[in-house]
N, C-alpha and C. Protein backbone atom coordinates (compact mmCIF):
# COMPACT_ATOMS: atom_id res chain seq x y z
N MET A 1 -24.12 -22.81 18.61
CA MET A 1 -24.10 -22.88 17.14
C MET A 1 -22.80 -23.56 16.69
N ASP A 2 -22.91 -24.42 15.74
CA ASP A 2 -21.76 -25.12 15.20
C ASP A 2 -20.91 -24.12 14.40
N ALA A 3 -19.68 -23.94 14.83
CA ALA A 3 -18.79 -22.96 14.22
C ALA A 3 -18.54 -23.23 12.74
N SER A 4 -18.52 -24.47 12.38
CA SER A 4 -18.19 -24.79 10.99
C SER A 4 -19.29 -24.37 10.02
N LYS A 5 -20.54 -24.30 10.48
CA LYS A 5 -21.64 -23.95 9.57
C LYS A 5 -21.52 -22.51 9.06
N ASP A 6 -21.37 -21.56 9.97
CA ASP A 6 -21.34 -20.17 9.53
C ASP A 6 -20.05 -19.83 8.79
N ILE A 7 -18.94 -20.39 9.25
CA ILE A 7 -17.67 -20.12 8.57
C ILE A 7 -17.65 -20.74 7.19
N SER A 8 -18.06 -21.99 7.08
CA SER A 8 -18.03 -22.65 5.77
C SER A 8 -19.01 -22.00 4.80
N PHE A 9 -20.17 -21.54 5.31
CA PHE A 9 -21.13 -20.86 4.45
C PHE A 9 -20.54 -19.57 3.91
N LEU A 10 -19.94 -18.76 4.80
CA LEU A 10 -19.36 -17.49 4.37
C LEU A 10 -18.21 -17.72 3.40
N GLU A 11 -17.34 -18.66 3.70
CA GLU A 11 -16.22 -18.95 2.80
C GLU A 11 -16.71 -19.39 1.43
N PHE A 12 -17.69 -20.28 1.40
CA PHE A 12 -18.24 -20.75 0.12
C PHE A 12 -18.80 -19.58 -0.67
N LEU A 13 -19.58 -18.74 -0.01
CA LEU A 13 -20.23 -17.61 -0.67
C LEU A 13 -19.21 -16.63 -1.24
N VAL A 14 -18.25 -16.24 -0.42
CA VAL A 14 -17.27 -15.24 -0.85
C VAL A 14 -16.32 -15.81 -1.90
N LYS A 15 -15.87 -17.04 -1.70
CA LYS A 15 -14.96 -17.65 -2.68
C LYS A 15 -15.62 -17.81 -4.05
N SER A 16 -16.94 -17.88 -4.06
CA SER A 16 -17.67 -18.01 -5.32
C SER A 16 -17.72 -16.72 -6.12
N ILE A 17 -17.51 -15.58 -5.45
CA ILE A 17 -17.65 -14.30 -6.17
C ILE A 17 -16.34 -13.55 -6.37
N VAL A 18 -15.24 -14.01 -5.76
CA VAL A 18 -13.97 -13.28 -5.89
C VAL A 18 -13.07 -13.92 -6.93
N ASP A 19 -12.05 -13.16 -7.34
CA ASP A 19 -11.07 -13.66 -8.31
C ASP A 19 -9.89 -14.36 -7.64
N HIS A 20 -9.70 -14.13 -6.34
CA HIS A 20 -8.58 -14.72 -5.59
C HIS A 20 -9.13 -15.51 -4.40
N PRO A 21 -9.80 -16.64 -4.65
CA PRO A 21 -10.41 -17.39 -3.54
C PRO A 21 -9.40 -17.92 -2.52
N GLU A 22 -8.16 -18.09 -2.95
CA GLU A 22 -7.14 -18.59 -2.02
C GLU A 22 -6.78 -17.57 -0.93
N ASP A 23 -7.14 -16.29 -1.14
CA ASP A 23 -6.83 -15.23 -0.17
C ASP A 23 -7.98 -14.95 0.79
N VAL A 24 -9.07 -15.69 0.70
CA VAL A 24 -10.21 -15.49 1.59
C VAL A 24 -9.91 -16.12 2.94
N LYS A 25 -10.02 -15.29 4.00
CA LYS A 25 -9.79 -15.78 5.36
C LYS A 25 -10.94 -15.32 6.24
N VAL A 26 -11.44 -16.21 7.07
CA VAL A 26 -12.54 -15.90 7.98
C VAL A 26 -12.13 -16.27 9.40
N GLU A 27 -12.33 -15.34 10.32
CA GLU A 27 -12.11 -15.60 11.74
C GLU A 27 -13.44 -15.49 12.46
N ARG A 28 -13.61 -16.26 13.52
CA ARG A 28 -14.87 -16.28 14.26
C ARG A 28 -14.61 -15.99 15.72
N LYS A 29 -15.36 -15.02 16.27
CA LYS A 29 -15.27 -14.68 17.70
C LYS A 29 -16.67 -14.63 18.27
N ILE A 30 -16.79 -15.07 19.51
CA ILE A 30 -18.08 -15.03 20.19
C ILE A 30 -17.95 -14.08 21.37
N ASP A 31 -18.91 -13.15 21.50
CA ASP A 31 -18.94 -12.25 22.64
C ASP A 31 -20.39 -12.07 23.08
N GLU A 32 -20.64 -11.08 23.94
CA GLU A 32 -21.99 -10.87 24.45
C GLU A 32 -22.98 -10.44 23.37
N MET A 33 -22.50 -9.92 22.25
CA MET A 33 -23.36 -9.49 21.16
C MET A 33 -23.70 -10.64 20.21
N GLY A 34 -23.02 -11.76 20.34
CA GLY A 34 -23.26 -12.90 19.46
C GLY A 34 -21.99 -13.35 18.78
N VAL A 35 -22.12 -13.76 17.53
CA VAL A 35 -20.99 -14.27 16.75
C VAL A 35 -20.52 -13.17 15.81
N LEU A 36 -19.22 -12.91 15.80
CA LEU A 36 -18.64 -11.95 14.88
C LEU A 36 -17.72 -12.69 13.93
N LEU A 37 -18.05 -12.63 12.64
CA LEU A 37 -17.20 -13.20 11.61
C LEU A 37 -16.42 -12.06 10.97
N THR A 38 -15.10 -12.21 10.93
CA THR A 38 -14.24 -11.20 10.34
C THR A 38 -13.71 -11.75 9.02
N LEU A 39 -13.93 -11.01 7.96
CA LEU A 39 -13.59 -11.46 6.61
C LEU A 39 -12.43 -10.65 6.05
N GLN A 40 -11.44 -11.35 5.51
CA GLN A 40 -10.33 -10.72 4.81
C GLN A 40 -10.29 -11.28 3.40
N VAL A 41 -10.12 -10.39 2.42
CA VAL A 41 -10.00 -10.81 1.03
C VAL A 41 -8.85 -10.06 0.38
N HIS A 42 -8.47 -10.49 -0.79
CA HIS A 42 -7.43 -9.82 -1.57
C HIS A 42 -7.89 -8.41 -1.89
N LYS A 43 -6.96 -7.45 -1.93
CA LYS A 43 -7.34 -6.05 -2.14
C LYS A 43 -8.08 -5.84 -3.47
N ASP A 44 -7.78 -6.63 -4.47
CA ASP A 44 -8.45 -6.48 -5.77
C ASP A 44 -9.89 -7.00 -5.74
N ASP A 45 -10.24 -7.77 -4.72
CA ASP A 45 -11.57 -8.36 -4.61
C ASP A 45 -12.53 -7.56 -3.74
N MET A 46 -12.06 -6.49 -3.12
CA MET A 46 -12.91 -5.72 -2.21
C MET A 46 -14.15 -5.19 -2.92
N GLY A 47 -14.01 -4.72 -4.13
CA GLY A 47 -15.15 -4.19 -4.87
C GLY A 47 -16.22 -5.24 -5.11
N GLN A 48 -15.79 -6.47 -5.36
CA GLN A 48 -16.74 -7.55 -5.59
C GLN A 48 -17.46 -7.95 -4.31
N VAL A 49 -16.77 -7.88 -3.19
CA VAL A 49 -17.37 -8.27 -1.92
C VAL A 49 -18.31 -7.18 -1.40
N VAL A 50 -17.91 -5.93 -1.55
CA VAL A 50 -18.73 -4.83 -1.06
C VAL A 50 -19.87 -4.53 -2.03
N GLY A 51 -19.57 -4.51 -3.31
CA GLY A 51 -20.60 -4.25 -4.32
C GLY A 51 -20.92 -2.76 -4.44
N ARG A 52 -21.74 -2.45 -5.41
CA ARG A 52 -22.12 -1.06 -5.64
C ARG A 52 -22.97 -0.56 -4.47
N LYS A 53 -22.53 0.52 -3.86
CA LYS A 53 -23.20 1.13 -2.71
C LYS A 53 -23.38 0.14 -1.56
N GLY A 54 -22.51 -0.87 -1.49
CA GLY A 54 -22.55 -1.83 -0.40
C GLY A 54 -23.62 -2.89 -0.52
N ALA A 55 -24.21 -3.02 -1.69
CA ALA A 55 -25.33 -3.95 -1.88
C ALA A 55 -24.94 -5.41 -1.65
N THR A 56 -23.77 -5.81 -2.15
CA THR A 56 -23.35 -7.20 -1.99
C THR A 56 -23.05 -7.51 -0.52
N ALA A 57 -22.35 -6.60 0.14
CA ALA A 57 -22.05 -6.80 1.57
C ALA A 57 -23.33 -6.88 2.39
N LYS A 58 -24.30 -6.05 2.06
CA LYS A 58 -25.58 -6.07 2.76
C LYS A 58 -26.30 -7.40 2.55
N ALA A 59 -26.25 -7.91 1.33
CA ALA A 59 -26.88 -9.20 1.03
C ALA A 59 -26.19 -10.34 1.78
N ILE A 60 -24.86 -10.31 1.83
CA ILE A 60 -24.12 -11.34 2.56
C ILE A 60 -24.48 -11.29 4.04
N ARG A 61 -24.57 -10.09 4.60
CA ARG A 61 -24.94 -9.95 6.02
C ARG A 61 -26.35 -10.48 6.27
N SER A 62 -27.27 -10.22 5.36
CA SER A 62 -28.63 -10.73 5.50
C SER A 62 -28.66 -12.25 5.50
N LEU A 63 -27.91 -12.85 4.60
CA LEU A 63 -27.85 -14.32 4.54
C LEU A 63 -27.22 -14.90 5.81
N LEU A 64 -26.20 -14.23 6.35
CA LEU A 64 -25.58 -14.71 7.58
C LEU A 64 -26.54 -14.60 8.76
N ARG A 65 -27.37 -13.57 8.78
CA ARG A 65 -28.37 -13.46 9.85
C ARG A 65 -29.36 -14.62 9.78
N ILE A 66 -29.73 -15.02 8.57
CA ILE A 66 -30.63 -16.16 8.40
C ILE A 66 -29.98 -17.44 8.91
N VAL A 67 -28.71 -17.64 8.57
CA VAL A 67 -27.98 -18.80 9.07
C VAL A 67 -27.96 -18.77 10.60
N GLY A 68 -27.74 -17.59 11.16
CA GLY A 68 -27.74 -17.45 12.61
C GLY A 68 -29.09 -17.75 13.23
N LEU A 69 -30.15 -17.26 12.62
CA LEU A 69 -31.50 -17.51 13.15
C LEU A 69 -31.81 -19.01 13.18
N LYS A 70 -31.39 -19.71 12.16
CA LYS A 70 -31.63 -21.15 12.11
C LYS A 70 -30.88 -21.88 13.22
N ASN A 71 -29.82 -21.23 13.74
CA ASN A 71 -28.99 -21.86 14.76
C ASN A 71 -29.04 -21.10 16.10
N ASN A 72 -30.07 -20.26 16.26
CA ASN A 72 -30.28 -19.51 17.51
C ASN A 72 -29.07 -18.67 17.91
N ALA A 73 -28.49 -17.96 16.96
CA ALA A 73 -27.34 -17.10 17.24
C ALA A 73 -27.45 -15.84 16.40
N ARG A 74 -26.89 -14.77 16.92
CA ARG A 74 -26.83 -13.52 16.17
C ARG A 74 -25.47 -13.47 15.49
N VAL A 75 -25.46 -13.42 14.17
CA VAL A 75 -24.21 -13.44 13.41
C VAL A 75 -24.01 -12.09 12.74
N ASN A 76 -22.85 -11.50 12.97
CA ASN A 76 -22.49 -10.22 12.35
C ASN A 76 -21.24 -10.42 11.52
N LEU A 77 -21.08 -9.55 10.52
CA LEU A 77 -19.93 -9.64 9.61
C LEU A 77 -19.16 -8.34 9.63
N LYS A 78 -17.84 -8.47 9.78
CA LYS A 78 -16.94 -7.33 9.68
C LYS A 78 -16.00 -7.63 8.52
N ILE A 79 -15.94 -6.71 7.57
CA ILE A 79 -15.06 -6.88 6.42
C ILE A 79 -13.84 -6.00 6.63
N LEU A 80 -12.68 -6.62 6.75
CA LEU A 80 -11.45 -5.86 6.96
C LEU A 80 -10.91 -5.35 5.64
N GLU A 81 -10.42 -4.13 5.67
CA GLU A 81 -9.80 -3.58 4.48
C GLU A 81 -8.40 -4.14 4.35
N PRO A 82 -8.05 -4.69 3.20
CA PRO A 82 -6.72 -5.27 3.04
C PRO A 82 -5.65 -4.19 3.00
N GLU A 83 -4.43 -4.57 3.35
CA GLU A 83 -3.32 -3.63 3.28
C GLU A 83 -3.11 -3.23 1.83
N GLY A 84 -2.84 -1.95 1.64
CA GLY A 84 -2.67 -1.45 0.28
C GLY A 84 -3.97 -1.08 -0.38
N GLY A 85 -5.09 -1.21 0.35
CA GLY A 85 -6.38 -0.81 -0.18
C GLY A 85 -6.51 0.70 -0.21
N THR A 86 -7.52 1.18 -0.91
CA THR A 86 -7.68 2.62 -1.04
C THR A 86 -8.30 3.24 0.18
N GLY A 87 -9.06 2.49 0.95
CA GLY A 87 -9.67 3.04 2.15
C GLY A 87 -10.85 3.92 1.86
N GLY A 88 -11.45 3.78 0.71
CA GLY A 88 -12.61 4.60 0.39
C GLY A 88 -12.23 6.05 0.29
N HIS A 89 -12.71 6.86 1.22
CA HIS A 89 -12.45 8.29 1.20
C HIS A 89 -11.17 8.65 1.92
N GLY A 90 -10.60 7.71 2.66
CA GLY A 90 -9.43 8.00 3.46
C GLY A 90 -8.28 8.59 2.66
N SER A 91 -7.95 8.00 1.53
CA SER A 91 -6.83 8.49 0.75
C SER A 91 -7.13 9.86 0.15
N ALA A 92 -8.36 10.12 -0.23
CA ALA A 92 -8.72 11.43 -0.76
C ALA A 92 -8.64 12.49 0.33
N VAL A 93 -9.05 12.16 1.53
CA VAL A 93 -8.97 13.10 2.65
C VAL A 93 -7.52 13.38 2.99
N ASP A 94 -6.70 12.33 3.04
CA ASP A 94 -5.28 12.51 3.32
C ASP A 94 -4.63 13.40 2.27
N GLN A 95 -4.96 13.19 1.02
CA GLN A 95 -4.39 14.00 -0.06
C GLN A 95 -4.84 15.45 0.07
N ALA A 96 -6.10 15.67 0.41
CA ALA A 96 -6.61 17.04 0.58
C ALA A 96 -5.90 17.74 1.74
N MET A 97 -5.65 17.02 2.83
CA MET A 97 -4.93 17.61 3.96
C MET A 97 -3.50 17.98 3.58
N GLU A 98 -2.84 17.13 2.82
CA GLU A 98 -1.49 17.44 2.36
C GLU A 98 -1.50 18.67 1.45
N ASP A 99 -2.51 18.78 0.58
CA ASP A 99 -2.62 19.95 -0.29
C ASP A 99 -2.80 21.23 0.52
N LEU A 100 -3.60 21.15 1.58
CA LEU A 100 -3.82 22.33 2.43
C LEU A 100 -2.56 22.73 3.17
N LYS A 101 -1.77 21.76 3.61
CA LYS A 101 -0.54 22.05 4.33
C LYS A 101 0.47 22.76 3.44
N SER A 102 0.45 22.47 2.15
CA SER A 102 1.43 23.07 1.25
C SER A 102 1.08 24.50 0.85
N LEU A 103 -0.10 24.97 1.21
CA LEU A 103 -0.51 26.34 0.86
C LEU A 103 0.16 27.37 1.71
């Protein structure tokens, strides 16, 4: 599979929906499972990339699978959490643990 097709498609797609397109970075690795694209975005753009209940991320993954099928490759997407991000439930769990320790 031509590396530029899947990377350029993902970059175009993500840069079209985020507020900080200059911070979009995509890395590509090939292993026995297929192609793994790793996406990094600005911390303020994570909500736009993931979407409500992960709907946007799921749609992006579906489109990447179609691109992969057209090129006889299995394409997966990993979205990295940016530094300074909330981590979803991680910060709430950490805060709860700190509260328990102070009792």
